[in-house]
């Protein structure tokens, strides 16, 4: 299935995205390739195949959540340029904003 540049423009407009002409061309090509691949997958008979969210037989590989000793507060902030009461001091980057 072929996606046109105009269809990409329409979707970009609905999503409030500003795209350059080269981005529109690239996205049209990429989306066309995806839809072509989906069409290829539709030819396979999946009757009787149960839907899955993960690979069957997959096991949880996470370690146990055990309480263990950690860094002391003093060690954690030892190399910080500035700390106060065990907290890192960082410059403020968000200014107070006026309500809309």
PDB file of N, CA and C in Angstrom:
ATOM      1  N   UNK A   1       0.859  -1.180   0.000  1.00  0.00           N
ATOM      2  CA  UNK A   1       0.000   0.000   0.000  1.00  0.00           C
ATOM      3  C   UNK A   1       0.896   1.231   0.000  1.00  0.00           C
ATOM      4  N   UNK A   2       0.558   2.178  -0.805  1.00  0.00           N
ATOM      5  CA  UNK A   2       1.370   3.384  -0.961  1.00  0.00           C
ATOM      6  C   UNK A   2       0.740   4.543  -0.187  1.00  0.00           C
ATOM      7  N   UNK A   3       1.525   5.170   0.681  1.00  0.00           N
ATOM      8  CA  UNK A   3       1.093   6.356   1.422  1.00  0.00           C
ATOM      9  C   UNK A   3       1.639   7.573   0.685  1.00  0.00           C
ATOM     10  N   UNK A   4       0.776   8.536   0.441  1.00  0.00           N
ATOM     11  CA  UNK A   4       1.206   9.734  -0.277  1.00  0.00           C
ATOM     12  C   UNK A   4       1.706  10.801   0.689  1.00  0.00           C
ATOM     13  N   UNK A   5       2.428  11.745   0.130  1.00  0.00           N
ATOM     14  CA  UNK A   5       2.933  12.869   0.918  1.00  0.00           C
ATOM     15  C   UNK A   5       1.758  13.684   1.489  1.00  0.00           C
ATOM     16  N   UNK A   6       0.668  13.754   0.733  1.00  0.00           N
ATOM     17  CA  UNK A   6      -0.513  14.496   1.186  1.00  0.00           C
ATOM     18  C   UNK A   6      -1.149  13.821   2.400  1.00  0.00           C
ATOM     19  N   UNK A   7      -1.151  12.496   2.423  1.00  0.00           N
ATOM     20  CA  UNK A   7      -1.694  11.775   3.578  1.00  0.00           C
ATOM     21  C   UNK A   7      -0.829  12.007   4.819  1.00  0.00           C
ATOM     22  N   UNK A   8       0.471  12.056   4.613  1.00  0.00           N
ATOM     23  CA  UNK A   8       1.378  12.354   5.730  1.00  0.00           C
ATOM     24  C   UNK A   8       1.118  13.767   6.238  1.00  0.00           C
ATOM     25  N   UNK A   9       0.932  14.710   5.335  1.00  0.00           N
ATOM     26  CA  UNK A   9       0.632  16.093   5.719  1.00  0.00           C
ATOM     27  C   UNK A   9      -0.658  16.166   6.534  1.00  0.00           C
ATOM     28  N   UNK A  10      -1.674  15.405   6.119  1.00  0.00           N
ATOM     29  CA  UNK A  10      -2.958  15.415   6.823  1.00  0.00           C
ATOM     30  C   UNK A  10      -2.792  14.889   8.250  1.00  0.00           C
ATOM     31  N   UNK A  11      -2.087  13.774   8.398  1.00  0.00           N
ATOM     32  CA  UNK A  11      -1.873  13.193   9.727  1.00  0.00           C
ATOM     33  C   UNK A  11      -1.008  14.131  10.576  1.00  0.00           C
ATOM     34  N   UNK A  12       0.015  14.711   9.984  1.00  0.00           N
ATOM     35  CA  UNK A  12       0.877  15.651  10.710  1.00  0.00           C
ATOM     36  C   UNK A  12       0.074  16.853  11.186  1.00  0.00           C
ATOM     37  N   UNK A  13      -0.830  17.333  10.362  1.00  0.00           N
ATOM     38  CA  UNK A  13      -1.685  18.452  10.740  1.00  0.00           C
ATOM     39  C   UNK A  13      -2.589  18.076  11.907  1.00  0.00           C
ATOM     40  N   UNK A  14      -3.180  16.877  11.847  1.00  0.00           N
ATOM     41  CA  UNK A  14      -4.043  16.419  12.939  1.00  0.00           C
ATOM     42  C   UNK A  14      -3.262  16.263  14.239  1.00  0.00           C
ATOM     43  N   UNK A  15      -1.993  15.863  14.133  1.00  0.00           N
ATOM     44  CA  UNK A  15      -1.149  15.664  15.313  1.00  0.00           C
ATOM     45  C   UNK A  15      -0.428  16.950  15.715  1.00  0.00           C
ATOM     46  N   UNK A  16      -0.682  18.029  14.989  1.00  0.00           N
ATOM     47  CA  UNK A  16      -0.049  19.321  15.263  1.00  0.00           C
ATOM     48  C   UNK A  16       1.474  19.232  15.171  1.00  0.00           C
ATOM     49  N   UNK A  17       1.945  18.530  14.134  1.00  0.00           N
ATOM     50  CA  UNK A  17       3.378  18.383  13.904  1.00  0.00           C
ATOM     51  C   UNK A  17       3.788  19.228  12.712  1.00  0.00           C
ATOM     52  N   UNK A  18       4.887  19.930  12.867  1.00  0.00           N
ATOM     53  CA  UNK A  18       5.443  20.694  11.754  1.00  0.00           C
ATOM     54  C   UNK A  18       6.552  19.853  11.134  1.00  0.00           C
ATOM     55  N   UNK A  19       6.348  19.433   9.890  1.00  0.00           N
ATOM     56  CA  UNK A  19       7.322  18.587   9.216  1.00  0.00           C
ATOM     57  C   UNK A  19       7.892  19.304   8.002  1.00  0.00           C
ATOM     58  N   UNK A  20       9.161  19.066   7.733  1.00  0.00           N
ATOM     59  CA  UNK A  20       9.779  19.604   6.523  1.00  0.00           C
ATOM     60  C   UNK A  20       9.383  18.720   5.344  1.00  0.00           C
ATOM     61  N   UNK A  21       9.639  19.203   4.133  1.00  0.00           N
ATOM     62  CA  UNK A  21       9.318  18.414   2.947  1.00  0.00           C
ATOM     63  C   UNK A  21      10.099  17.112   2.925  1.00  0.00           C
ATOM     64  N   UNK A  22      11.354  17.152   3.350  1.00  0.00           N
ATOM     65  CA  UNK A  22      12.152  15.920   3.347  1.00  0.00           C
ATOM     66  C   UNK A  22      11.625  14.923   4.382  1.00  0.00           C
ATOM     67  N   UNK A  23      11.139  15.415   5.524  1.00  0.00           N
ATOM     68  CA  UNK A  23      10.549  14.527   6.536  1.00  0.00           C
ATOM     69  C   UNK A  23       9.254  13.900   6.015  1.00  0.00           C
ATOM     70  N   UNK A  24       8.441  14.695   5.340  1.00  0.00           N
ATOM     71  CA  UNK A  24       7.190  14.176   4.780  1.00  0.00           C
ATOM     72  C   UNK A  24       7.473  13.073   3.764  1.00  0.00           C
ATOM     73  N   UNK A  25       8.467  13.287   2.920  1.00  0.00           N
ATOM     74  CA  UNK A  25       8.837  12.279   1.926  1.00  0.00           C
ATOM     75  C   UNK A  25       9.351  11.018   2.606  1.00  0.00           C
ATOM     76  N   UNK A  26      10.212  11.193   3.609  1.00  0.00           N
ATOM     77  CA  UNK A  26      10.779  10.043   4.324  1.00  0.00           C
ATOM     78  C   UNK A  26       9.696   9.271   5.061  1.00  0.00           C
ATOM     79  N   UNK A  27       8.788   9.970   5.731  1.00  0.00           N
ATOM     80  CA  UNK A  27       7.719   9.295   6.472  1.00  0.00           C
ATOM     81  C   UNK A  27       6.762   8.578   5.525  1.00  0.00           C
ATOM     82  N   UNK A  28       6.472   9.174   4.373  1.00  0.00           N
ATOM     83  CA  UNK A  28       5.601   8.519   3.398  1.00  0.00           C
ATOM     84  C   UNK A  28       6.233   7.203   2.952  1.00  0.00           C
ATOM     85  N   UNK A  29       7.536   7.210   2.690  1.00  0.00           N
ATOM     86  CA  UNK A  29       8.238   5.995   2.271  1.00  0.00           C
ATOM     87  C   UNK A  29       8.230   4.949   3.390  1.00  0.00           C
ATOM     88  N   UNK A  30       8.556   5.378   4.619  1.00  0.00           N
ATOM     89  CA  UNK A  30       8.619   4.451   5.753  1.00  0.00           C
ATOM     90  C   UNK A  30       7.246   3.840   6.053  1.00  0.00           C
ATOM     91  N   UNK A  31       6.213   4.664   6.071  1.00  0.00           N
ATOM     92  CA  UNK A  31       4.870   4.154   6.348  1.00  0.00           C
ATOM     93  C   UNK A  31       4.403   3.203   5.246  1.00  0.00           C
ATOM     94  N   UNK A  32       4.746   3.491   4.015  1.00  0.00           N
ATOM     95  CA  UNK A  32       4.406   2.593   2.910  1.00  0.00           C
ATOM     96  C   UNK A  32       5.082   1.245   3.091  1.00  0.00           C
ATOM     97  N   UNK A  33       6.353   1.252   3.501  1.00  0.00           N
ATOM     98  CA  UNK A  33       7.074   0.005   3.730  1.00  0.00           C
ATOM     99  C   UNK A  33       6.445  -0.803   4.863  1.00  0.00           C
ATOM    100  N   UNK A  34       6.031  -0.131   5.917  1.00  0.00           N
ATOM    101  CA  UNK A  34       5.389  -0.817   7.046  1.00  0.00           C
ATOM    102  C   UNK A  34       4.088  -1.467   6.599  1.00  0.00           C
ATOM    103  N   UNK A  35       3.263  -0.728   5.884  1.00  0.00           N
ATOM    104  CA  UNK A  35       1.984  -1.271   5.425  1.00  0.00           C
ATOM    105  C   UNK A  35       2.174  -2.409   4.428  1.00  0.00           C
ATOM    106  N   UNK A  36       3.193  -2.318   3.597  1.00  0.00           N
ATOM    107  CA  UNK A  36       3.504  -3.406   2.667  1.00  0.00           C
ATOM    108  C   UNK A  36       3.891  -4.659   3.447  1.00  0.00           C
ATOM    109  N   UNK A  37       4.678  -4.494   4.495  1.00  0.00           N
ATOM    110  CA  UNK A  37       5.076  -5.637   5.325  1.00  0.00           C
ATOM    111  C   UNK A  37       3.853  -6.257   6.014  1.00  0.00           C
ATOM    112  N   UNK A  38       2.949  -5.435   6.516  1.00  0.00           N
ATOM    113  CA  UNK A  38       1.734  -5.946   7.159  1.00  0.00           C
ATOM    114  C   UNK A  38       0.907  -6.723   6.138  1.00  0.00           C
ATOM    115  N   UNK A  39       0.817  -6.232   4.924  1.00  0.00           N
ATOM    116  CA  UNK A  39       0.087  -6.951   3.877  1.00  0.00           C
ATOM    117  C   UNK A  39       0.732  -8.312   3.618  1.00  0.00           C
ATOM    118  N   UNK A  40       2.059  -8.372   3.658  1.00  0.00           N
ATOM    119  CA  UNK A  40       2.766  -9.637   3.480  1.00  0.00           C
ATOM    120  C   UNK A  40       2.423 -10.602   4.603  1.00  0.00           C
ATOM    121  N   UNK A  41       2.356 -10.096   5.836  1.00  0.00           N
ATOM    122  CA  UNK A  41       2.044 -10.951   6.982  1.00  0.00           C
ATOM    123  C   UNK A  41       0.618 -11.485   6.927  1.00  0.00           C
ATOM    124  N   UNK A  42      -0.289 -10.744   6.296  1.00  0.00           N
ATOM    125  CA  UNK A  42      -1.690 -11.170   6.219  1.00  0.00           C
ATOM    126  C   UNK A  42      -1.868 -12.444   5.403  1.00  0.00           C
ATOM    127  N   UNK A  43      -0.899 -12.795   4.585  1.00  0.00           N
ATOM    128  CA  UNK A  43      -1.042 -13.991   3.744  1.00  0.00           C
ATOM    129  C   UNK A  43      -0.879 -15.286   4.530  1.00  0.00           C
ATOM    130  N   UNK A  44      -0.357 -15.215   5.740  1.00  0.00           N
ATOM    131  CA  UNK A  44      -0.131 -16.417   6.533  1.00  0.00           C
ATOM    132  C   UNK A  44      -1.375 -16.779   7.343  1.00  0.00           C
ATOM    133  N   UNK A  45      -1.676 -18.054   7.383  1.00  0.00           N
ATOM    134  CA  UNK A  45      -2.828 -18.558   8.124  1.00  0.00           C
ATOM    135  C   UNK A  45      -2.462 -18.663   9.611  1.00  0.00           C
ATOM    136  N   UNK A  46      -3.121 -17.891  10.433  1.00  0.00           N
ATOM    137  CA  UNK A  46      -2.857 -17.922  11.875  1.00  0.00           C
ATOM    138  C   UNK A  46      -4.030 -18.523  12.648  1.00  0.00           C
ATOM    139  N   UNK A  47      -4.865 -19.274  11.950  1.00  0.00           N
ATOM    140  CA  UNK A  47      -5.995 -19.921  12.596  1.00  0.00           C
ATOM    141  C   UNK A  47      -5.477 -20.860  13.682  1.00  0.00           C
ATOM    142  N   UNK A  48      -6.015 -20.731  14.872  1.00  0.00           N
ATOM    143  CA  UNK A  48      -5.623 -21.586  15.981  1.00  0.00           C
ATOM    144  C   UNK A  48      -4.387 -21.123  16.734  1.00  0.00           C
ATOM    145  N   UNK A  49      -3.779 -20.054  16.303  1.00  0.00           N
ATOM    146  CA  UNK A  49      -2.614 -19.521  17.007  1.00  0.00           C
ATOM    147  C   UNK A  49      -3.117 -18.544  18.061  1.00  0.00           C
ATOM    148  N   UNK A  50      -2.826 -18.852  19.316  1.00  0.00           N
ATOM    149  CA  UNK A  50      -3.291 -17.998  20.406  1.00  0.00           C
ATOM    150  C   UNK A  50      -2.492 -16.700  20.448  1.00  0.00           C
ATOM    151  N   UNK A  51      -3.159 -15.569  20.669  1.00  0.00           N
ATOM    152  CA  UNK A  51      -2.432 -14.303  20.812  1.00  0.00           C
ATOM    153  C   UNK A  51      -1.568 -14.339  22.066  1.00  0.00           C
ATOM    154  N   UNK A  52      -0.400 -13.734  21.991  1.00  0.00           N
ATOM    155  CA  UNK A  52       0.489 -13.679  23.149  1.00  0.00           C
ATOM    156  C   UNK A  52       1.036 -12.273  23.316  1.00  0.00           C
ATOM    157  N   UNK A  53       1.334 -11.938  24.549  1.00  0.00           N
ATOM    158  CA  UNK A  53       1.965 -10.649  24.832  1.00  0.00           C
ATOM    159  C   UNK A  53       3.470 -10.809  24.976  1.00  0.00           C
ATOM    160  N   UNK A  54       3.910 -12.020  25.266  1.00  0.00           N
ATOM    161  CA  UNK A  54       5.338 -12.300  25.402  1.00  0.00           C
ATOM    162  C   UNK A  54       5.641 -13.635  24.735  1.00  0.00           C
ATOM    163  N   UNK A  55       6.908 -13.932  24.646  1.00  0.00           N
ATOM    164  CA  UNK A  55       7.321 -15.204  24.065  1.00  0.00           C
ATOM    165  C   UNK A  55       6.951 -16.313  25.042  1.00  0.00           C
ATOM    166  N   UNK A  56       6.274 -17.363  24.588  1.00  0.00           N
ATOM    167  CA  UNK A  56       5.902 -18.457  25.501  1.00  0.00           C
ATOM    168  C   UNK A  56       7.143 -19.067  26.165  1.00  0.00           C
ATOM    169  N   UNK A  57       7.002 -19.381  27.441  1.00  0.00           N
ATOM    170  CA  UNK A  57       8.099 -19.993  28.181  1.00  0.00           C
ATOM    171  C   UNK A  57       9.093 -19.012  28.748  1.00  0.00           C
ATOM    172  N   UNK A  58       8.850 -17.735  28.561  1.00  0.00           N
ATOM    173  CA  UNK A  58       9.776 -16.734  29.078  1.00  0.00           C
ATOM    174  C   UNK A  58       9.650 -16.671  30.599  1.00  0.00           C
ATOM    175  N   UNK A  59      10.785 -16.606  31.285  1.00  0.00           N
ATOM    176  CA  UNK A  59      10.782 -16.558  32.745  1.00  0.00           C
ATOM    177  C   UNK A  59      11.253 -15.192  33.223  1.00  0.00           C
ATOM    178  N   UNK A  60      10.803 -14.824  34.411  1.00  0.00           N
ATOM    179  CA  UNK A  60      11.215 -13.568  35.010  1.00  0.00           C
ATOM    180  C   UNK A  60      12.705 -13.637  35.328  1.00  0.00           C
ATOM    181  N   UNK A  61      13.458 -12.660  34.841  1.00  0.00           N
ATOM    182  CA  UNK A  61      14.904 -12.677  35.046  1.00  0.00           C
ATOM    183  C   UNK A  61      15.355 -11.632  36.072  1.00  0.00           C
ATOM    184  N   UNK A  62      14.422 -11.053  36.785  1.00  0.00           N
ATOM    185  CA  UNK A  62      14.779 -10.040  37.770  1.00  0.00           C
ATOM    186  C   UNK A  62      15.318 -10.699  39.042  1.00  0.00           C
ATOM    187  N   UNK A  63      16.231 -10.021  39.673  1.00  0.00           N
ATOM    188  CA  UNK A  63      16.770 -10.528  40.933  1.00  0.00           C
ATOM    189  C   UNK A  63      15.784 -10.214  42.050  1.00  0.00           C
ATOM    190  N   UNK A  64      15.964 -10.877  43.165  1.00  0.00           N
ATOM    191  CA  UNK A  64      15.109 -10.618  44.334  1.00  0.00           C
ATOM    192  C   UNK A  64      15.377  -9.210  44.847  1.00  0.00           C
ATOM    193  N   UNK A  65      14.345  -8.578  45.338  1.00  0.00           N
ATOM    194  CA  UNK A  65      14.460  -7.226  45.861  1.00  0.00           C
ATOM    195  C   UNK A  65      14.828  -7.300  47.340  1.00  0.00           C
ATOM    196  N   UNK A  66      16.109  -7.525  47.605  1.00  0.00           N
ATOM    197  CA  UNK A  66      16.589  -7.681  48.971  1.00  0.00           C
ATOM    198  C   UNK A  66      17.162  -6.372  49.493  1.00  0.00           C
ATOM    199  N   UNK A  67      16.946  -6.117  50.778  1.00  0.00           N
ATOM    200  CA  UNK A  67      17.520  -4.942  51.417  1.00  0.00           C
ATOM    201  C   UNK A  67      19.000  -5.225  51.656  1.00  0.00           C
ATOM    202  N   UNK A  68      19.846  -4.301  51.174  1.00  0.00           N
ATOM    203  CA  UNK A  68      21.292  -4.462  51.342  1.00  0.00           C
ATOM    204  C   UNK A  68      21.887  -3.129  51.776  1.00  0.00           C
ATOM    205  N   UNK A  69      23.063  -3.163  52.368  1.00  0.00           N
ATOM    206  CA  UNK A  69      23.714  -1.909  52.734  1.00  0.00           C
ATOM    207  C   UNK A  69      24.000  -1.081  51.476  1.00  0.00           C
ATOM    208  N   UNK A  70      23.936   0.217  51.630  1.00  0.00           N
ATOM    209  CA  UNK A  70      24.153   1.112  50.506  1.00  0.00           C
ATOM    210  C   UNK A  70      25.132   2.201  50.929  1.00  0.00           C
ATOM    211  N   UNK A  71      25.305   3.178  50.075  1.00  0.00           N
ATOM    212  CA  UNK A  71      26.165   4.307  50.425  1.00  0.00           C
ATOM    213  C   UNK A  71      25.548   5.112  51.562  1.00  0.00           C
ATOM    214  N   UNK A  72      26.403   5.639  52.400  1.00  0.00           N
ATOM    215  CA  UNK A  72      25.904   6.562  53.414  1.00  0.00           C
ATOM    216  C   UNK A  72      25.603   7.889  52.729  1.00  0.00           C
ATOM    217  N   UNK A  73      24.799   8.713  53.343  1.00  0.00           N
ATOM    218  CA  UNK A  73      24.469  10.020  52.764  1.00  0.00           C
ATOM    219  C   UNK A  73      25.738  10.835  52.560  1.00  0.00           C
ATOM    220  N   UNK A  74      26.638  10.760  53.519  1.00  0.00           N
ATOM    221  CA  UNK A  74      27.883  11.520  53.412  1.00  0.00           C
ATOM    222  C   UNK A  74      28.699  11.060  52.208  1.00  0.00           C
ATOM    223  N   UNK A  75      28.772   9.748  51.984  1.00  0.00           N
ATOM    224  CA  UNK A  75      29.515   9.224  50.835  1.00  0.00           C
ATOM    225  C   UNK A  75      28.851   9.613  49.516  1.00  0.00           C
ATOM    226  N   UNK A  76      27.539   9.613  49.495  1.00  0.00           N
ATOM    227  CA  UNK A  76      26.806   9.915  48.266  1.00  0.00           C
ATOM    228  C   UNK A  76      27.018  11.356  47.825  1.00  0.00           C
ATOM    229  N   UNK A  77      27.082  12.283  48.752  1.00  0.00           N
ATOM    230  CA  UNK A  77      27.232  13.703  48.394  1.00  0.00           C
ATOM    231  C   UNK A  77      28.673  14.194  48.543  1.00  0.00           C
ATOM    232  N   UNK A  78      29.610  13.286  48.822  1.00  0.00           N
ATOM    233  CA  UNK A  78      30.998  13.682  49.079  1.00  0.00           C
ATOM    234  C   UNK A  78      31.622  14.441  47.911  1.00  0.00           C
ATOM    235  N   UNK A  79      31.365  14.051  46.688  1.00  0.00           N
ATOM    236  CA  UNK A  79      31.974  14.707  45.516  1.00  0.00           C
ATOM    237  C   UNK A  79      31.080  15.763  44.879  1.00  0.00           C
ATOM    238  N   UNK A  80      29.944  16.030  45.485  1.00  0.00           N
ATOM    239  CA  UNK A  80      29.031  17.027  44.928  1.00  0.00           C
ATOM    240  C   UNK A  80      29.640  18.412  45.072  1.00  0.00           C
ATOM    241  N   UNK A  81      29.486  19.275  44.075  1.00  0.00           N
ATOM    242  CA  UNK A  81      30.000  20.638  44.195  1.00  0.00           C
ATOM    243  C   UNK A  81      29.396  21.381  45.385  1.00  0.00           C
ATOM    244  N   UNK A  82      28.108  21.048  45.659  1.00  0.00           N
ATOM    245  CA  UNK A  82      27.439  21.701  46.782  1.00  0.00           C
ATOM    246  C   UNK A  82      26.333  20.781  47.296  1.00  0.00           C
ATOM    247  N   UNK A  83      26.217  20.688  48.619  1.00  0.00           N
ATOM    248  CA  UNK A  83      25.139  19.920  49.230  1.00  0.00           C
ATOM    249  C   UNK A  83      24.712  20.607  50.515  1.00  0.00           C
ATOM    250  N   UNK A  84      23.449  20.378  50.884  1.00  0.00           N
ATOM    251  CA  UNK A  84      22.898  20.945  52.112  1.00  0.00           C
ATOM    252  C   UNK A  84      22.067  19.864  52.782  1.00  0.00           C
ATOM    253  N   UNK A  85      22.362  19.571  54.019  1.00  0.00           N
ATOM    254  CA  UNK A  85      21.616  18.590  54.804  1.00  0.00           C
ATOM    255  C   UNK A  85      21.492  17.236  54.098  1.00  0.00           C
ATOM    256  N   UNK A  86      22.532  16.818  53.399  1.00  0.00           N
ATOM    257  CA  UNK A  86      22.524  15.521  52.735  1.00  0.00           C
ATOM    258  C   UNK A  86      21.839  15.506  51.388  1.00  0.00           C
ATOM    259  N   UNK A  87      21.491  16.654  50.846  1.00  0.00           N
ATOM    260  CA  UNK A  87      20.846  16.744  49.535  1.00  0.00           C
ATOM    261  C   UNK A  87      21.768  17.463  48.565  1.00  0.00           C
ATOM    262  N   UNK A  88      21.720  17.078  47.285  1.00  0.00           N
ATOM    263  CA  UNK A  88      22.471  17.780  46.251  1.00  0.00           C
ATOM    264  C   UNK A  88      21.826  19.136  46.003  1.00  0.00           C
ATOM    265  N   UNK A  89      22.645  20.164  45.849  1.00  0.00           N
ATOM    266  CA  UNK A  89      22.144  21.485  45.492  1.00  0.00           C
ATOM    267  C   UNK A  89      22.397  21.661  43.998  1.00  0.00           C
ATOM    268  N   UNK A  90      21.316  21.931  43.251  1.00  0.00           N
ATOM    269  CA  UNK A  90      21.421  22.118  41.808  1.00  0.00           C
ATOM    270  C   UNK A  90      20.810  23.456  41.436  1.00  0.00           C
ATOM    271  N   UNK A  91      21.262  24.044  40.330  1.00  0.00           N
ATOM    272  CA  UNK A  91      20.691  25.335  39.937  1.00  0.00           C
ATOM    273  C   UNK A  91      19.239  25.182  39.492  1.00  0.00           C
ATOM    274  N   UNK A  92      18.461  26.197  39.778  1.00  0.00           N
ATOM    275  CA  UNK A  92      17.059  26.207  39.369  1.00  0.00           C
ATOM    276  C   UNK A  92      17.003  26.419  37.859  1.00  0.00           C
ATOM    277  N   UNK A  93      16.246  25.579  37.154  1.00  0.00           N
ATOM    278  CA  UNK A  93      16.168  25.722  35.701  1.00  0.00           C
ATOM    279  C   UNK A  93      14.763  26.077  35.214  1.00  0.00           C
ATOM    280  N   UNK A  94      13.770  25.975  36.087  1.00  0.00           N
ATOM    281  CA  UNK A  94      12.400  26.321  35.701  1.00  0.00           C
ATOM    282  C   UNK A  94      11.999  27.557  36.476  1.00  0.00           C
ATOM    283  N   UNK A  95      11.721  28.593  35.744  1.00  0.00           N
ATOM    284  CA  UNK A  95      11.317  29.850  36.373  1.00  0.00           C
ATOM    285  C   UNK A  95       9.829  29.801  36.708  1.00  0.00           C
ATOM    286  N   UNK A  96       9.424  30.631  37.661  1.00  0.00           N
ATOM    287  CA  UNK A  96       8.000  30.731  37.969  1.00  0.00           C
ATOM    288  C   UNK A  96       7.273  31.246  36.742  1.00  0.00           C
ATOM    289  N   UNK A  97       6.158  30.591  36.431  1.00  0.00           N
ATOM    290  CA  UNK A  97       5.406  30.964  35.260  1.00  0.00           C
ATOM    291  C   UNK A  97       4.113  31.671  35.666  1.00  0.00           C
ATOM    292  N   UNK A  98       3.661  32.523  34.791  1.00  0.00           N
ATOM    293  CA  UNK A  98       2.386  33.196  34.998  1.00  0.00           C
ATOM    294  C   UNK A  98       1.262  32.223  34.653  1.00  0.00           C
ATOM    295  N   UNK A  99       0.148  32.233  35.386  1.00  0.00           N
ATOM    296  CA  UNK A  99      -0.974  31.361  35.014  1.00  0.00           C
ATOM    297  C   UNK A  99      -1.498  31.723  33.637  1.00  0.00           C
ATOM    298  N   UNK A 100      -2.004  30.714  32.925  1.00  0.00           N
ATOM    299  CA  UNK A 100      -2.533  30.961  31.568  1.00  0.00           C
ATOM    300  C   UNK A 100      -3.840  31.691  31.607  1.00  0.00           C
TER     301      UNK A 100
END
